[in-house]
Each structure stands twice: as structure tokens, then as C-alpha cells.
């Protein structure tokens, strides 16, 4: 099979000649995830993405949105109060934050060519707010604090961002050869936001964008973001409209087989802990082979791709990723 045939069969849970592999990492620091308007940062991301594609030639590509994590109205001033939150507004179709992402994705898609599936990384509306607070402001309490102070205003702010995400999605599929969207979600990391509250408040915001994407292209990979002490109840996401599900198998302690059952047989991607010092980085070839065979013995090969819980380390040896692909090809 060529790469496109292999991934198409993976997406549709059909037989493959070997299980696809898919890994990705950032190209700039956390703070620079918000500085795509800086020509040097933009250049570094573009060149890094191209270098990664050229060296690895992956089965599928997730185009990283480094530099564009920050919605402009969230970044123009530091948000500390509900009044600040109320100032978050849509920036509209002509804003550089939208157009520059379209130009970026087009350049990477053109470089990668038509024979490889290409996904672009987007976040749910609430994630654009939370990430700015935590990655850039380095305030890990603010998101939940403001959400609790005024659910109504947090939802209104997220809906404004959703307007622009939907505009961006439409332009991406009109102006570039991107094949799908990698959509990152996370539950509100607070016990008071139980399943009932998630279904009432968070899920409608997630689905507002997801349903819009699916109207244009149903090739959605849902990333349920977990790391450290941030965990999610996977069952809350089982009815989200996505073809592929990716989650933190090690953080959530839910392997691919169990996850596949939760998501009712849909395609799944993952299996490896993305933290330094784990099997992916430091195991011998024999140990790595044992781990891969163990994963595939448990979950099978239909609708399965090997990847990581989340982004891997930027300085990983590219030959480690090629080794995973090689070993996957040895599994029968």
C-alpha cells in the first residue's frame, strides 16, 4: 500500500499492510506558540515542519499550529477579571490571525504533496482561552476561577472565538489541500464540572465547531488532551463526531483496546507515553518491539495507528520514529 491507501484503510477500520505510525512535536517554546506574527518565529515553524516531513516522510502529518495558539482578542491584553473576559470578540474573516494560518497550512500542504494525509491542529474554543492562561500567563488557576465566577461570560467569550474557528475551517478547506482537522478538547479540570455540567456547558461548545467541520469534511481526529494531573472521562466524548480518537493512554490508564471499546469500534491512535525517559525514547530495539507487539496483540491492526499520548519531545532522534515504523511492519 502507499501512504494514502494505508491511512484510508486505517480511517475506515479496514485491513492494512502494516499499522500506520504518526508522531508530532512542537517547533518553538510554549511562549512562542502565541507569536506567529513574529517573522522569525513564523519562519522557524515553517522550516521546522518542512524538515520534519522531509526527514521522516510520515504516514500522516499533523501540521502544528505553533505561533497561532493565541486568539487575538485573548492576547491583546492580559485577562484577569470577568470584565476582561467580556472583551473577547470575534476578529472576523479578514484578520491576519486567520489569513496567515491559511497561508501557512497551504505552504505546508503544498510541500507535503498529495500522497500524504494532512491534518491541521485546532483547539476547541475553551482551549484557546485556557492555553493562553496556562502556557503564556503561567496561571494555572485562572481558567477555572473565571469559569466559576461567571459561566455565562466564559461561554459568551468561547462562542466569539468559535465564530473565527469556523471561518478558519471553511477557508482551510477552500484554499488549501488539507485533508482533515485534528481537534483538541479537554474537560474543565474541576470536580464541580461533572458529566451533567459537561453535557450542558462544554459539549455544546465543542460540538458547535465539530459539527461545522463535519459539514465540510468528516475527516476529524479528536484529541482528548490529558497530561500530568489533567485527566478526562473518555466516555463523555464517545458520541463526538470524529473518525479517529487520540487520548493520553498512560495518563488516563486506558489502553487502545479499552478505548476502542469506549468509542464503539472507531479508529484509534496512540499507545506510547510521550514523556522523556519512557519506552519510546530509551528502550532497546528488542524492548521496543516487545512493547509494539504487546499493544497490537491486544488491540489488533484494524482501525489502529501507533502514536503518542500527545506531542513528543522536539529533540527526539528521528531514527527512533523510523524504528517504530519498521517494527510495525514486522508485526503479522
C-alpha atoms as a PDB file:
ATOM      1  CA  UNK A   1       0.000   0.000   0.000  1.00  0.00           C
ATOM      2  CA  UNK A   2       1.065   3.584  -0.499  1.00  0.00           C
ATOM      3  CA  UNK A   3       0.706   6.007   2.417  1.00  0.00           C
ATOM      4  CA  UNK A   4      -2.672   7.329   1.361  1.00  0.00           C
ATOM      5  CA  UNK A   5      -4.180   3.871   0.868  1.00  0.00           C
ATOM      6  CA  UNK A   6      -2.809   2.747   4.224  1.00  0.00           C
ATOM      7  CA  UNK A   7      -4.264   5.706   6.086  1.00  0.00           C
ATOM      8  CA  UNK A   8      -7.619   5.487   4.263  1.00  0.00           C
ATOM      9  CA  UNK A   9      -7.912   1.861   5.353  1.00  0.00           C
ATOM     10  CA  UNK A  10      -6.928   2.821   8.894  1.00  0.00           C
ATOM     11  CA  UNK A  11      -9.608   5.533   8.976  1.00  0.00           C
ATOM     12  CA  UNK A  12     -12.238   3.098   7.753  1.00  0.00           C
ATOM     13  CA  UNK A  13     -11.111   0.218  10.005  1.00  0.00           C
ATOM     14  CA  UNK A  14     -10.084  -2.000   7.090  1.00  0.00           C
ATOM     15  CA  UNK A  15      -7.060  -4.272   6.653  1.00  0.00           C
ATOM     16  CA  UNK A  16      -3.659  -2.611   6.214  1.00  0.00           C
ATOM     17  CA  UNK A  17      -0.302  -3.893   5.017  1.00  0.00           C
ATOM     18  CA  UNK A  18       1.138  -2.515   8.266  1.00  0.00           C
ATOM     19  CA  UNK A  19      -0.222  -0.394  11.077  1.00  0.00           C
ATOM     20  CA  UNK A  20       0.399   3.320  10.343  1.00  0.00           C
ATOM     21  CA  UNK A  21       2.562   5.360  12.693  1.00  0.00           C
ATOM     22  CA  UNK A  22       2.076   9.042  13.478  1.00  0.00           C
ATOM     23  CA  UNK A  23       4.045  11.296  15.821  1.00  0.00           C
ATOM     24  CA  UNK A  24       4.468  15.063  16.060  1.00  0.00           C
ATOM     25  CA  UNK A  25       6.264  17.659  18.151  1.00  0.00           C
ATOM     26  CA  UNK A  26       6.395  21.419  18.621  1.00  0.00           C
ATOM     27  CA  UNK A  27       8.957  23.600  16.863  1.00  0.00           C
ATOM     28  CA  UNK A  28       9.109  26.568  19.259  1.00  0.00           C
ATOM     29  CA  UNK A  29       8.803  27.169  23.012  1.00  0.00           C
ATOM     30  CA  UNK A  30       5.458  27.466  24.819  1.00  0.00           C
ATOM     31  CA  UNK A  31       5.591  31.270  24.905  1.00  0.00           C
ATOM     32  CA  UNK A  32       6.301  31.414  21.189  1.00  0.00           C
ATOM     33  CA  UNK A  33       3.171  29.366  20.467  1.00  0.00           C
ATOM     34  CA  UNK A  34       1.491  32.779  20.604  1.00  0.00           C
ATOM     35  CA  UNK A  35       3.932  34.731  18.447  1.00  0.00           C
ATOM     36  CA  UNK A  36       3.195  33.702  14.879  1.00  0.00           C
ATOM     37  CA  UNK A  37       3.132  37.374  13.942  1.00  0.00           C
ATOM     38  CA  UNK A  38       6.893  37.478  14.603  1.00  0.00           C
ATOM     39  CA  UNK A  39       8.570  36.746  11.225  1.00  0.00           C
ATOM     40  CA  UNK A  40      11.407  34.810  12.875  1.00  0.00           C
ATOM     41  CA  UNK A  41       9.023  32.585  14.849  1.00  0.00           C
ATOM     42  CA  UNK A  42       6.872  32.009  11.771  1.00  0.00           C
ATOM     43  CA  UNK A  43       9.938  31.104   9.707  1.00  0.00           C
ATOM     44  CA  UNK A  44      11.201  28.717  12.399  1.00  0.00           C
ATOM     45  CA  UNK A  45       7.872  26.861  12.489  1.00  0.00           C
ATOM     46  CA  UNK A  46       7.609  26.608   8.693  1.00  0.00           C
ATOM     47  CA  UNK A  47      11.188  25.408   8.279  1.00  0.00           C
ATOM     48  CA  UNK A  48      10.901  23.000  11.205  1.00  0.00           C
ATOM     49  CA  UNK A  49       7.692  21.490   9.880  1.00  0.00           C
ATOM     50  CA  UNK A  50       9.181  21.013   6.410  1.00  0.00           C
ATOM     51  CA  UNK A  51      12.383  19.490   7.794  1.00  0.00           C
ATOM     52  CA  UNK A  52      10.381  17.035   9.896  1.00  0.00           C
ATOM     53  CA  UNK A  53       8.266  15.953   6.915  1.00  0.00           C
ATOM     54  CA  UNK A  54      11.316  15.572   4.669  1.00  0.00           C
ATOM     55  CA  UNK A  55      13.334  13.546   7.186  1.00  0.00           C
ATOM     56  CA  UNK A  56      10.562  11.276   8.461  1.00  0.00           C
ATOM     57  CA  UNK A  57       8.202  11.003   5.467  1.00  0.00           C
ATOM     58  CA  UNK A  58       5.373  10.042   7.867  1.00  0.00           C
ATOM     59  CA  UNK A  59       2.253   8.031   7.084  1.00  0.00           C
ATOM     60  CA  UNK A  60       0.149  11.044   8.047  1.00  0.00           C
ATOM     61  CA  UNK A  61       1.063  14.581   9.004  1.00  0.00           C
ATOM     62  CA  UNK A  62      -0.340  16.732  11.770  1.00  0.00           C
ATOM     63  CA  UNK A  63       0.536  20.297  10.870  1.00  0.00           C
ATOM     64  CA  UNK A  64       1.352  22.034  14.135  1.00  0.00           C
ATOM     65  CA  UNK A  65      -0.319  25.386  14.795  1.00  0.00           C
ATOM     66  CA  UNK A  66       2.700  26.711  16.716  1.00  0.00           C
ATOM     67  CA  UNK A  67       2.534  30.501  16.694  1.00  0.00           C
ATOM     68  CA  UNK A  68      -1.255  30.547  16.378  1.00  0.00           C
ATOM     69  CA  UNK A  69      -2.393  29.244  19.770  1.00  0.00           C
ATOM     70  CA  UNK A  70      -3.489  32.702  20.813  1.00  0.00           C
ATOM     71  CA  UNK A  71      -6.755  34.112  19.553  1.00  0.00           C
ATOM     72  CA  UNK A  72      -6.067  37.845  19.061  1.00  0.00           C
ATOM     73  CA  UNK A  73      -8.715  39.126  21.479  1.00  0.00           C
ATOM     74  CA  UNK A  74      -7.372  36.825  24.195  1.00  0.00           C
ATOM     75  CA  UNK A  75      -3.819  38.052  23.587  1.00  0.00           C
ATOM     76  CA  UNK A  76      -4.239  41.798  23.165  1.00  0.00           C
ATOM     77  CA  UNK A  77      -4.360  42.328  26.924  1.00  0.00           C
ATOM     78  CA  UNK A  78      -3.859  40.185  29.995  1.00  0.00           C
ATOM     79  CA  UNK A  79      -7.191  38.833  31.150  1.00  0.00           C
ATOM     80  CA  UNK A  80      -7.677  38.839  34.909  1.00  0.00           C
ATOM     81  CA  UNK A  81     -11.344  39.642  35.537  1.00  0.00           C
ATOM     82  CA  UNK A  82     -14.803  38.919  34.180  1.00  0.00           C
ATOM     83  CA  UNK A  83     -14.821  42.409  32.669  1.00  0.00           C
ATOM     84  CA  UNK A  84     -11.665  41.494  30.749  1.00  0.00           C
ATOM     85  CA  UNK A  85     -13.317  38.255  29.647  1.00  0.00           C
ATOM     86  CA  UNK A  86     -16.256  40.241  28.252  1.00  0.00           C
ATOM     87  CA  UNK A  87     -13.896  41.991  25.820  1.00  0.00           C
ATOM     88  CA  UNK A  88     -13.183  38.769  23.919  1.00  0.00           C
ATOM     89  CA  UNK A  89     -14.768  39.189  20.490  1.00  0.00           C
ATOM     90  CA  UNK A  90     -14.602  37.644  17.043  1.00  0.00           C
ATOM     91  CA  UNK A  91     -11.970  39.275  14.802  1.00  0.00           C
ATOM     92  CA  UNK A  92     -13.678  38.370  11.523  1.00  0.00           C
ATOM     93  CA  UNK A  93     -12.613  36.738   8.246  1.00  0.00           C
ATOM     94  CA  UNK A  94     -10.005  39.282   7.168  1.00  0.00           C
ATOM     95  CA  UNK A  95      -7.888  39.288  10.298  1.00  0.00           C
ATOM     96  CA  UNK A  96      -4.224  38.233   9.853  1.00  0.00           C
ATOM     97  CA  UNK A  97      -4.648  35.538  12.524  1.00  0.00           C
ATOM     98  CA  UNK A  98      -6.966  33.724  10.122  1.00  0.00           C
ATOM     99  CA  UNK A  99      -5.321  34.569   6.812  1.00  0.00           C
ATOM    100  CA  UNK A 100      -1.805  33.810   7.999  1.00  0.00           C
ATOM    101  CA  UNK A 101      -2.873  30.346   9.179  1.00  0.00           C
ATOM    102  CA  UNK A 102      -4.412  29.676   5.777  1.00  0.00           C
ATOM    103  CA  UNK A 103      -1.181  30.757   4.069  1.00  0.00           C
ATOM    104  CA  UNK A 104       0.874  28.621   6.473  1.00  0.00           C
ATOM    105  CA  UNK A 105      -1.237  25.489   6.001  1.00  0.00           C
ATOM    106  CA  UNK A 106      -1.235  25.936   2.226  1.00  0.00           C
ATOM    107  CA  UNK A 107       2.561  26.173   2.155  1.00  0.00           C
ATOM    108  CA  UNK A 108       2.999  23.035   4.268  1.00  0.00           C
ATOM    109  CA  UNK A 109       0.352  21.093   2.325  1.00  0.00           C
ATOM    110  CA  UNK A 110       1.965  22.026  -0.989  1.00  0.00           C
ATOM    111  CA  UNK A 111       5.333  20.922   0.357  1.00  0.00           C
ATOM    112  CA  UNK A 112       3.993  17.609   1.664  1.00  0.00           C
ATOM    113  CA  UNK A 113       2.211  16.767  -1.587  1.00  0.00           C
ATOM    114  CA  UNK A 114      -0.968  14.926  -2.408  1.00  0.00           C
ATOM    115  CA  UNK A 115       0.150  11.412  -1.456  1.00  0.00           C
ATOM    116  CA  UNK A 116       0.058  12.023   2.321  1.00  0.00           C
ATOM    117  CA  UNK A 117      -2.899  12.716   4.602  1.00  0.00           C
ATOM    118  CA  UNK A 118      -2.525  16.140   6.203  1.00  0.00           C
ATOM    119  CA  UNK A 119      -4.352  17.298   9.347  1.00  0.00           C
ATOM    120  CA  UNK A 120      -4.245  20.768  10.846  1.00  0.00           C
ATOM    121  CA  UNK A 121      -4.216  21.272  14.595  1.00  0.00           C
ATOM    122  CA  UNK A 122      -7.087  23.315  16.039  1.00  0.00           C
ATOM    123  CA  UNK A 123      -8.411  23.696  19.576  1.00  0.00           C
ATOM    124  CA  UNK A 124     -11.911  23.872  20.956  1.00  0.00           C
ATOM    125  CA  UNK A 125     -12.984  27.448  21.813  1.00  0.00           C
ATOM    126  CA  UNK A 126     -12.458  26.974  25.549  1.00  0.00           C
ATOM    127  CA  UNK A 127      -8.984  25.548  24.947  1.00  0.00           C
ATOM    128  CA  UNK A 128      -7.863  28.764  23.235  1.00  0.00           C
ATOM    129  CA  UNK A 129      -8.666  30.584  26.461  1.00  0.00           C
ATOM    130  CA  UNK A 130      -7.259  28.023  28.889  1.00  0.00           C
ATOM    131  CA  UNK A 131      -3.997  27.546  26.998  1.00  0.00           C
ATOM    132  CA  UNK A 132      -3.241  31.269  26.979  1.00  0.00           C
ATOM    133  CA  UNK A 133      -3.808  31.480  30.716  1.00  0.00           C
ATOM    134  CA  UNK A 134      -1.629  28.479  31.489  1.00  0.00           C
ATOM    135  CA  UNK A 135       1.126  28.418  28.854  1.00  0.00           C
ATOM    136  CA  UNK A 136       1.675  32.152  28.471  1.00  0.00           C
ATOM    137  CA  UNK A 137       0.427  33.764  31.692  1.00  0.00           C
ATOM    138  CA  UNK A 138       1.589  30.712  33.677  1.00  0.00           C
ATOM    139  CA  UNK A 139      -1.513  30.969  35.841  1.00  0.00           C
ATOM    140  CA  UNK A 140      -2.951  27.504  36.374  1.00  0.00           C
ATOM    141  CA  UNK A 141      -5.910  28.609  38.495  1.00  0.00           C
ATOM    142  CA  UNK A 142      -7.353  31.437  36.412  1.00  0.00           C
ATOM    143  CA  UNK A 143      -9.359  29.449  33.868  1.00  0.00           C
ATOM    144  CA  UNK A 144     -11.405  27.533  36.450  1.00  0.00           C
ATOM    145  CA  UNK A 145     -11.665  30.606  38.693  1.00  0.00           C
ATOM    146  CA  UNK A 146     -13.170  32.801  35.975  1.00  0.00           C
ATOM    147  CA  UNK A 147     -15.368  29.969  34.730  1.00  0.00           C
ATOM    148  CA  UNK A 148     -16.831  29.586  38.220  1.00  0.00           C
ATOM    149  CA  UNK A 149     -17.242  33.341  38.643  1.00  0.00           C
ATOM    150  CA  UNK A 150     -19.373  33.579  35.521  1.00  0.00           C
ATOM    151  CA  UNK A 151     -20.205  30.559  33.401  1.00  0.00           C
ATOM    152  CA  UNK A 152     -22.313  32.808  31.200  1.00  0.00           C
ATOM    153  CA  UNK A 153     -19.450  35.154  30.332  1.00  0.00           C
ATOM    154  CA  UNK A 154     -16.964  32.313  29.763  1.00  0.00           C
ATOM    155  CA  UNK A 155     -19.421  30.701  27.345  1.00  0.00           C
ATOM    156  CA  UNK A 156     -20.032  34.007  25.554  1.00  0.00           C
ATOM    157  CA  UNK A 157     -16.281  34.523  25.160  1.00  0.00           C
ATOM    158  CA  UNK A 158     -15.827  30.987  23.815  1.00  0.00           C
ATOM    159  CA  UNK A 159     -18.683  31.474  21.352  1.00  0.00           C
ATOM    160  CA  UNK A 160     -16.949  34.564  19.961  1.00  0.00           C
ATOM    161  CA  UNK A 161     -13.806  32.514  19.374  1.00  0.00           C
ATOM    162  CA  UNK A 162     -15.908  29.734  17.823  1.00  0.00           C
ATOM    163  CA  UNK A 163     -17.071  32.178  15.148  1.00  0.00           C
ATOM    164  CA  UNK A 164     -13.485  32.643  13.994  1.00  0.00           C
ATOM    165  CA  UNK A 165     -12.562  28.959  14.218  1.00  0.00           C
ATOM    166  CA  UNK A 166     -15.475  28.154  11.897  1.00  0.00           C
ATOM    167  CA  UNK A 167     -14.382  30.881   9.471  1.00  0.00           C
ATOM    168  CA  UNK A 168     -10.847  29.477   9.551  1.00  0.00           C
ATOM    169  CA  UNK A 169     -12.023  25.911   8.919  1.00  0.00           C
ATOM    170  CA  UNK A 170     -14.047  26.978   5.882  1.00  0.00           C
ATOM    171  CA  UNK A 171     -11.099  28.879   4.424  1.00  0.00           C
ATOM    172  CA  UNK A 172      -8.692  25.997   5.087  1.00  0.00           C
ATOM    173  CA  UNK A 173     -10.768  23.560   3.069  1.00  0.00           C
ATOM    174  CA  UNK A 174     -11.390  26.129   0.327  1.00  0.00           C
ATOM    175  CA  UNK A 175      -7.829  27.432  -0.050  1.00  0.00           C
ATOM    176  CA  UNK A 176      -5.554  24.517   0.898  1.00  0.00           C
ATOM    177  CA  UNK A 177      -5.258  20.783   0.244  1.00  0.00           C
ATOM    178  CA  UNK A 178      -5.571  19.866   3.937  1.00  0.00           C
ATOM    179  CA  UNK A 179      -7.346  16.518   4.384  1.00  0.00           C
ATOM    180  CA  UNK A 180      -8.686  16.808   7.906  1.00  0.00           C
ATOM    181  CA  UNK A 181      -8.722  18.568  11.264  1.00  0.00           C
ATOM    182  CA  UNK A 182      -7.052  17.429  14.470  1.00  0.00           C
ATOM    183  CA  UNK A 183      -9.369  18.895  17.104  1.00  0.00           C
ATOM    184  CA  UNK A 184      -8.117  19.192  20.679  1.00  0.00           C
ATOM    185  CA  UNK A 185     -10.558  19.148  23.601  1.00  0.00           C
ATOM    186  CA  UNK A 186     -10.328  18.862  27.366  1.00  0.00           C
ATOM    187  CA  UNK A 187     -12.811  18.737  30.200  1.00  0.00           C
ATOM    188  CA  UNK A 188     -12.846  21.569  32.738  1.00  0.00           C
ATOM    189  CA  UNK A 189     -10.328  20.371  35.278  1.00  0.00           C
ATOM    190  CA  UNK A 190     -12.535  20.798  38.330  1.00  0.00           C
ATOM    191  CA  UNK A 191     -14.720  18.288  40.162  1.00  0.00           C
ATOM    192  CA  UNK A 192     -17.693  20.638  40.173  1.00  0.00           C
ATOM    193  CA  UNK A 193     -17.851  20.297  36.381  1.00  0.00           C
ATOM    194  CA  UNK A 194     -19.299  16.798  36.424  1.00  0.00           C
ATOM    195  CA  UNK A 195     -20.770  14.896  33.486  1.00  0.00           C
ATOM    196  CA  UNK A 196     -24.097  16.722  33.699  1.00  0.00           C
ATOM    197  CA  UNK A 197     -22.364  20.088  33.597  1.00  0.00           C
ATOM    198  CA  UNK A 198     -20.029  18.957  30.824  1.00  0.00           C
ATOM    199  CA  UNK A 199     -23.000  17.909  28.694  1.00  0.00           C
ATOM    200  CA  UNK A 200     -24.800  21.167  29.399  1.00  0.00           C
ATOM    201  CA  UNK A 201     -21.942  23.660  29.053  1.00  0.00           C
ATOM    202  CA  UNK A 202     -18.779  22.246  27.470  1.00  0.00           C
ATOM    203  CA  UNK A 203     -20.106  19.748  24.942  1.00  0.00           C
ATOM    204  CA  UNK A 204     -22.293  22.267  23.039  1.00  0.00           C
ATOM    205  CA  UNK A 205     -19.241  24.496  22.540  1.00  0.00           C
ATOM    206  CA  UNK A 206     -17.137  21.566  21.353  1.00  0.00           C
ATOM    207  CA  UNK A 207     -19.882  20.404  19.010  1.00  0.00           C
ATOM    208  CA  UNK A 208     -20.574  23.863  17.603  1.00  0.00           C
ATOM    209  CA  UNK A 209     -17.216  23.732  15.828  1.00  0.00           C
ATOM    210  CA  UNK A 210     -17.085  19.969  15.283  1.00  0.00           C
ATOM    211  CA  UNK A 211     -20.453  19.939  13.537  1.00  0.00           C
ATOM    212  CA  UNK A 212     -19.354  22.792  11.294  1.00  0.00           C
ATOM    213  CA  UNK A 213     -16.191  20.903  10.346  1.00  0.00           C
ATOM    214  CA  UNK A 214     -18.207  17.784   9.574  1.00  0.00           C
ATOM    215  CA  UNK A 215     -20.482  19.714   7.226  1.00  0.00           C
ATOM    216  CA  UNK A 216     -17.440  20.385   5.054  1.00  0.00           C
ATOM    217  CA  UNK A 217     -15.236  17.349   5.719  1.00  0.00           C
ATOM    218  CA  UNK A 218     -15.852  14.481   8.142  1.00  0.00           C
ATOM    219  CA  UNK A 219     -12.178  13.594   8.494  1.00  0.00           C
ATOM    220  CA  UNK A 220     -11.796  14.660  12.126  1.00  0.00           C
ATOM    221  CA  UNK A 221      -9.270  13.303  14.602  1.00  0.00           C
ATOM    222  CA  UNK A 222     -10.362  14.085  18.154  1.00  0.00           C
ATOM    223  CA  UNK A 223      -7.556  14.624  20.654  1.00  0.00           C
ATOM    224  CA  UNK A 224      -8.736  14.337  24.261  1.00  0.00           C
ATOM    225  CA  UNK A 225      -5.898  16.165  25.949  1.00  0.00           C
ATOM    226  CA  UNK A 226      -4.579  14.700  29.188  1.00  0.00           C
ATOM    227  CA  UNK A 227      -1.197  15.067  30.900  1.00  0.00           C
ATOM    228  CA  UNK A 228       0.174  15.235  34.406  1.00  0.00           C
ATOM    229  CA  UNK A 229      -2.822  15.549  36.744  1.00  0.00           C
ATOM    230  CA  UNK A 230      -5.121  16.631  33.894  1.00  0.00           C
ATOM    231  CA  UNK A 231      -7.410  13.710  33.164  1.00  0.00           C
ATOM    232  CA  UNK A 232     -10.657  13.213  31.247  1.00  0.00           C
ATOM    233  CA  UNK A 233     -13.563  10.782  31.311  1.00  0.00           C
ATOM    234  CA  UNK A 234     -13.342   9.296  27.815  1.00  0.00           C
ATOM    235  CA  UNK A 235     -16.977   8.164  27.875  1.00  0.00           C
ATOM    236  CA  UNK A 236     -18.050  11.821  27.846  1.00  0.00           C
ATOM    237  CA  UNK A 237     -16.631  12.062  24.304  1.00  0.00           C
ATOM    238  CA  UNK A 238     -17.836   8.793  22.783  1.00  0.00           C
ATOM    239  CA  UNK A 239     -20.626  10.463  20.782  1.00  0.00           C
ATOM    240  CA  UNK A 240     -18.483  13.305  19.445  1.00  0.00           C
ATOM    241  CA  UNK A 241     -18.491  13.192  15.617  1.00  0.00           C
ATOM    242  CA  UNK A 242     -14.945  12.055  14.826  1.00  0.00           C
ATOM    243  CA  UNK A 243     -13.360   9.309  12.733  1.00  0.00           C
ATOM    244  CA  UNK A 244     -10.292   8.860  14.926  1.00  0.00           C
ATOM    245  CA  UNK A 245      -9.780   9.202  18.683  1.00  0.00           C
ATOM    246  CA  UNK A 246      -6.442  10.000  20.325  1.00  0.00           C
ATOM    247  CA  UNK A 247      -6.027  10.327  24.098  1.00  0.00           C
ATOM    248  CA  UNK A 248      -3.385  10.009  26.796  1.00  0.00           C
ATOM    249  CA  UNK A 249      -3.371   6.239  27.214  1.00  0.00           C
ATOM    250  CA  UNK A 250      -0.886   6.418  30.081  1.00  0.00           C
ATOM    251  CA  UNK A 251      -2.296   9.440  31.916  1.00  0.00           C
ATOM    252  CA  UNK A 252      -5.840   8.084  31.683  1.00  0.00           C
ATOM    253  CA  UNK A 253      -4.618   4.499  32.212  1.00  0.00           C
ATOM    254  CA  UNK A 254      -6.857   3.363  29.355  1.00  0.00           C
ATOM    255  CA  UNK A 255      -5.136   1.429  26.580  1.00  0.00           C
ATOM    256  CA  UNK A 256      -6.075   1.312  22.915  1.00  0.00           C
ATOM    257  CA  UNK A 257      -8.174  -1.839  23.263  1.00  0.00           C
ATOM    258  CA  UNK A 258     -10.339  -0.441  26.060  1.00  0.00           C
ATOM    259  CA  UNK A 259     -10.553   2.915  24.302  1.00  0.00           C
ATOM    260  CA  UNK A 260     -11.670   1.268  21.093  1.00  0.00           C
ATOM    261  CA  UNK A 261     -14.486  -0.349  23.044  1.00  0.00           C
ATOM    262  CA  UNK A 262     -15.490   3.000  24.581  1.00  0.00           C
ATOM    263  CA  UNK A 263     -15.540   4.612  21.135  1.00  0.00           C
ATOM    264  CA  UNK A 264     -17.552   1.729  19.726  1.00  0.00           C
ATOM    265  CA  UNK A 265     -15.003   0.368  17.278  1.00  0.00           C
ATOM    266  CA  UNK A 266     -13.911   3.634  15.673  1.00  0.00           C
ATOM    267  CA  UNK A 267     -10.285   4.168  14.694  1.00  0.00           C
ATOM    268  CA  UNK A 268      -7.817   4.940  17.480  1.00  0.00           C
ATOM    269  CA  UNK A 269      -4.299   6.379  17.517  1.00  0.00           C
ATOM    270  CA  UNK A 270      -1.728   6.205  20.298  1.00  0.00           C
ATOM    271  CA  UNK A 271      -0.200   3.673  22.644  1.00  0.00           C
ATOM    272  CA  UNK A 272       3.049   5.389  23.657  1.00  0.00           C
ATOM    273  CA  UNK A 273       3.775   7.595  26.647  1.00  0.00           C
ATOM    274  CA  UNK A 274       5.092  10.876  25.242  1.00  0.00           C
ATOM    275  CA  UNK A 275       7.263  11.733  28.273  1.00  0.00           C
ATOM    276  CA  UNK A 276      11.054  11.626  28.130  1.00  0.00           C
ATOM    277  CA  UNK A 277      12.699   8.547  29.589  1.00  0.00           C
ATOM    278  CA  UNK A 278       9.895   6.197  28.567  1.00  0.00           C
ATOM    279  CA  UNK A 279       9.912   3.282  26.101  1.00  0.00           C
ATOM    280  CA  UNK A 280       9.620   5.449  23.003  1.00  0.00           C
ATOM    281  CA  UNK A 281      12.860   7.289  23.808  1.00  0.00           C
ATOM    282  CA  UNK A 282      15.102   4.903  25.654  1.00  0.00           C
ATOM    283  CA  UNK A 283      14.093   1.254  25.172  1.00  0.00           C
ATOM    284  CA  UNK A 284      16.326  -1.102  23.208  1.00  0.00           C
ATOM    285  CA  UNK A 285      15.098  -2.257  19.820  1.00  0.00           C
ATOM    286  CA  UNK A 286      14.085  -5.580  21.324  1.00  0.00           C
ATOM    287  CA  UNK A 287      12.199  -3.881  24.168  1.00  0.00           C
ATOM    288  CA  UNK A 288      10.517  -1.529  21.721  1.00  0.00           C
ATOM    289  CA  UNK A 289       9.483  -4.477  19.555  1.00  0.00           C
ATOM    290  CA  UNK A 290       8.082  -6.275  22.578  1.00  0.00           C
ATOM    291  CA  UNK A 291       6.010  -3.206  23.522  1.00  0.00           C
ATOM    292  CA  UNK A 292       4.661  -2.686  19.998  1.00  0.00           C
ATOM    293  CA  UNK A 293       3.756  -6.347  19.585  1.00  0.00           C
ATOM    294  CA  UNK A 294       2.065  -6.303  23.009  1.00  0.00           C
ATOM    295  CA  UNK A 295      -0.057  -3.296  22.009  1.00  0.00           C
ATOM    296  CA  UNK A 296      -1.061  -4.840  18.679  1.00  0.00           C
ATOM    297  CA  UNK A 297      -1.704  -8.265  20.201  1.00  0.00           C
ATOM    298  CA  UNK A 298      -4.234  -6.591  22.494  1.00  0.00           C
ATOM    299  CA  UNK A 299      -5.999  -4.204  20.112  1.00  0.00           C
ATOM    300  CA  UNK A 300      -5.447  -5.755  16.677  1.00  0.00           C
ATOM    301  CA  UNK A 301      -4.498  -3.937  13.491  1.00  0.00           C
ATOM    302  CA  UNK A 302      -7.801  -2.702  12.054  1.00  0.00           C
ATOM    303  CA  UNK A 303      -8.518   0.934  12.788  1.00  0.00           C
ATOM    304  CA  UNK A 304      -5.278   1.277  14.763  1.00  0.00           C
ATOM    305  CA  UNK A 305      -2.326   3.639  14.356  1.00  0.00           C
ATOM    306  CA  UNK A 306       0.693   3.817  16.645  1.00  0.00           C
ATOM    307  CA  UNK A 307       1.416   7.229  18.103  1.00  0.00           C
ATOM    308  CA  UNK A 308       1.864   9.026  21.409  1.00  0.00           C
ATOM    309  CA  UNK A 309      -0.372  10.420  24.131  1.00  0.00           C
ATOM    310  CA  UNK A 310       0.418  13.946  22.948  1.00  0.00           C
ATOM    311  CA  UNK A 311       3.332  15.850  21.413  1.00  0.00           C
ATOM    312  CA  UNK A 312       6.702  14.140  21.764  1.00  0.00           C
ATOM    313  CA  UNK A 313       9.996  15.802  22.640  1.00  0.00           C
ATOM    314  CA  UNK A 314      11.361  18.144  19.986  1.00  0.00           C
ATOM    315  CA  UNK A 315      14.840  16.660  20.281  1.00  0.00           C
ATOM    316  CA  UNK A 316      13.875  13.011  19.785  1.00  0.00           C
ATOM    317  CA  UNK A 317      16.100  11.110  17.370  1.00  0.00           C
ATOM    318  CA  UNK A 318      14.149  10.800  14.120  1.00  0.00           C
ATOM    319  CA  UNK A 319      15.562   7.292  13.748  1.00  0.00           C
ATOM    320  CA  UNK A 320      13.550   6.216  16.813  1.00  0.00           C
ATOM    321  CA  UNK A 321      10.348   7.061  14.950  1.00  0.00           C
ATOM    322  CA  UNK A 322      11.565   5.250  11.857  1.00  0.00           C
ATOM    323  CA  UNK A 323      12.298   2.243  14.055  1.00  0.00           C
ATOM    324  CA  UNK A 324       8.697   2.198  15.313  1.00  0.00           C
ATOM    325  CA  UNK A 325       7.524   2.181  11.696  1.00  0.00           C
ATOM    326  CA  UNK A 326       9.965  -0.636  10.829  1.00  0.00           C
ATOM    327  CA  UNK A 327       8.842  -2.796  13.753  1.00  0.00           C
ATOM    328  CA  UNK A 328       5.170  -2.158  12.953  1.00  0.00           C
ATOM    329  CA  UNK A 329       5.892  -3.585   9.507  1.00  0.00           C
ATOM    330  CA  UNK A 330       7.280  -6.751  11.087  1.00  0.00           C
ATOM    331  CA  UNK A 331       4.091  -7.480  13.001  1.00  0.00           C
ATOM    332  CA  UNK A 332       1.970 -10.210  11.418  1.00  0.00           C
END
